[in-house]
Structures are given as C-alpha cells and as structure tokens.
Protein backbone atom coordinates (compact mmCIF):
# COMPACT_ATOMS: atom_id res chain seq x y z
CA MET A 1 -72.82 -3.12 -68.19
CA ASP A 2 -73.51 -0.79 -70.76
CA ASP A 3 -75.48 2.64 -70.76
CA ALA A 4 -78.03 1.03 -72.70
CA GLU A 5 -78.67 -1.86 -69.72
CA LEU A 6 -78.17 0.87 -67.44
CA ARG A 7 -80.84 3.13 -69.04
CA ASP A 8 -83.02 0.05 -69.20
CA THR A 9 -82.45 -0.59 -65.19
CA VAL A 10 -83.10 2.74 -64.01
CA LEU A 11 -86.52 2.81 -66.31
CA LYS A 12 -87.29 -0.44 -64.48
CA VAL A 13 -86.48 0.58 -60.94
CA LEU A 14 -88.35 4.19 -62.01
CA GLY A 15 -91.22 1.35 -62.59
CA GLN A 16 -91.40 -0.17 -59.48
CA VAL A 17 -90.90 2.98 -57.35
CA ALA A 18 -93.79 4.84 -59.28
CA PRO A 19 -96.12 2.47 -61.16
CA GLU A 20 -98.41 4.97 -62.06
CA VAL A 21 -95.67 6.82 -64.49
CA ASP A 22 -96.14 5.97 -67.92
CA LEU A 23 -92.38 4.92 -69.28
CA ASP A 24 -92.41 6.00 -72.88
CA ASP A 25 -92.91 9.65 -71.09
CA VAL A 26 -89.90 10.23 -69.25
CA GLU A 27 -87.39 12.68 -70.45
CA PRO A 28 -84.37 11.78 -69.70
CA SER A 29 -82.50 15.37 -69.25
CA GLU A 30 -85.58 16.36 -66.69
CA ASP A 31 -85.96 16.06 -63.11
CA LEU A 32 -87.80 13.35 -61.90
CA ARG A 33 -89.59 14.93 -59.18
CA GLU A 34 -90.54 17.46 -61.36
CA GLN A 35 -91.74 15.29 -63.91
CA PHE A 36 -94.11 12.90 -62.26
CA ASP A 37 -94.18 14.83 -58.70
CA LEU A 38 -91.61 12.73 -56.73
CA ASP A 39 -90.77 13.18 -53.13
CA SER A 40 -87.83 12.47 -51.18
CA MET A 41 -89.22 8.91 -49.98
CA ASP A 42 -89.54 8.04 -54.16
CA ILE A 43 -85.93 9.35 -54.55
CA LEU A 44 -84.86 7.27 -51.39
CA ASP A 45 -86.59 4.36 -53.10
CA LEU A 46 -85.10 4.89 -56.56
CA ALA A 47 -81.84 4.50 -54.83
CA ILE A 48 -82.19 1.74 -52.97
CA GLY A 49 -83.91 -0.09 -56.08
CA LEU A 50 -80.56 0.74 -58.35
CA PHE A 51 -78.61 -0.60 -55.37
CA GLN A 52 -80.50 -3.59 -55.59
CA ALA A 53 -80.14 -4.25 -59.37
CA THR A 54 -76.73 -3.02 -59.61
CA GLY A 55 -75.49 -3.13 -56.41
CA ILE A 56 -73.90 0.12 -56.61
CA GLU A 57 -75.13 2.47 -53.22
CA VAL A 58 -76.10 5.57 -53.76
CA PRO A 59 -75.69 7.19 -50.69
CA GLU A 60 -77.87 10.65 -49.55
CA GLN A 61 -75.37 12.96 -50.52
CA ASP A 62 -75.38 11.83 -54.19
CA TYR A 63 -78.92 11.68 -54.70
CA ALA A 64 -79.15 15.13 -56.36
CA GLN A 65 -76.91 13.16 -59.12
CA VAL A 66 -79.40 10.57 -59.72
CA VAL A 67 -82.78 12.37 -60.34
CA THR A 68 -83.22 12.51 -63.88
CA VAL A 69 -82.35 9.26 -66.01
CA ASP A 70 -79.63 10.51 -67.69
CA GLY A 71 -78.20 11.89 -64.54
CA ALA A 72 -78.45 7.89 -63.06
CA VAL A 73 -76.88 6.39 -65.94
CA GLU A 74 -73.62 8.46 -65.43
CA TYR A 75 -73.98 8.01 -61.83
CA LEU A 76 -73.97 3.80 -62.44
CA ALA A 77 -71.59 4.25 -65.43
CA THR A 78 -68.74 6.20 -63.35
CA HIS A 79 -69.29 3.77 -59.97
CA ALA A 80 -69.96 0.64 -61.39
CA VAL A 81 -66.91 -1.73 -60.45
CA HIS A 82 -64.85 -2.51 -63.75
C-alpha cells in the first residue's frame, strides 16, 4: 500500500471506531484523542481495526505512534512487509 491508500485505510477505520467523526474535518497531524475526545478504548479499537485492515499489528507500547492520522500512516508504512 502506498501512503494515500494507507491514509484512506486509517480514515476508514477511524470512521468505524468513531462514526460521529466527520472524516473531512480530521486534521492529520493532530492527536485524535484531543480532536474528537477519543479514549483509550477507542485507540485500542483503532489499533485492532488497523490490524484487521492491514495485517500490521500495533502493540500497546506503540499506540502513541498511531494517535494521529499522519503517525498511523507512517507507522503502517514502516512496519509493512515489503
């Protein structure tokens, strides 16, 4: 997957985790927890959704790296099996 596909995947998963979020309003570099009042369970659900969508596991110690859209895209890109 290229970065654009990864970004689309992250936004799709975010929409599943937090259906109340207007995906057009997401600021990619800002913390999703602050932007949309997501809690730790939402971030866990995001990590699980990313795994289901990409096959890339996000261990708990790496959650801080996927709390922004940009961070999640970078994380997935660097952990993808090439």
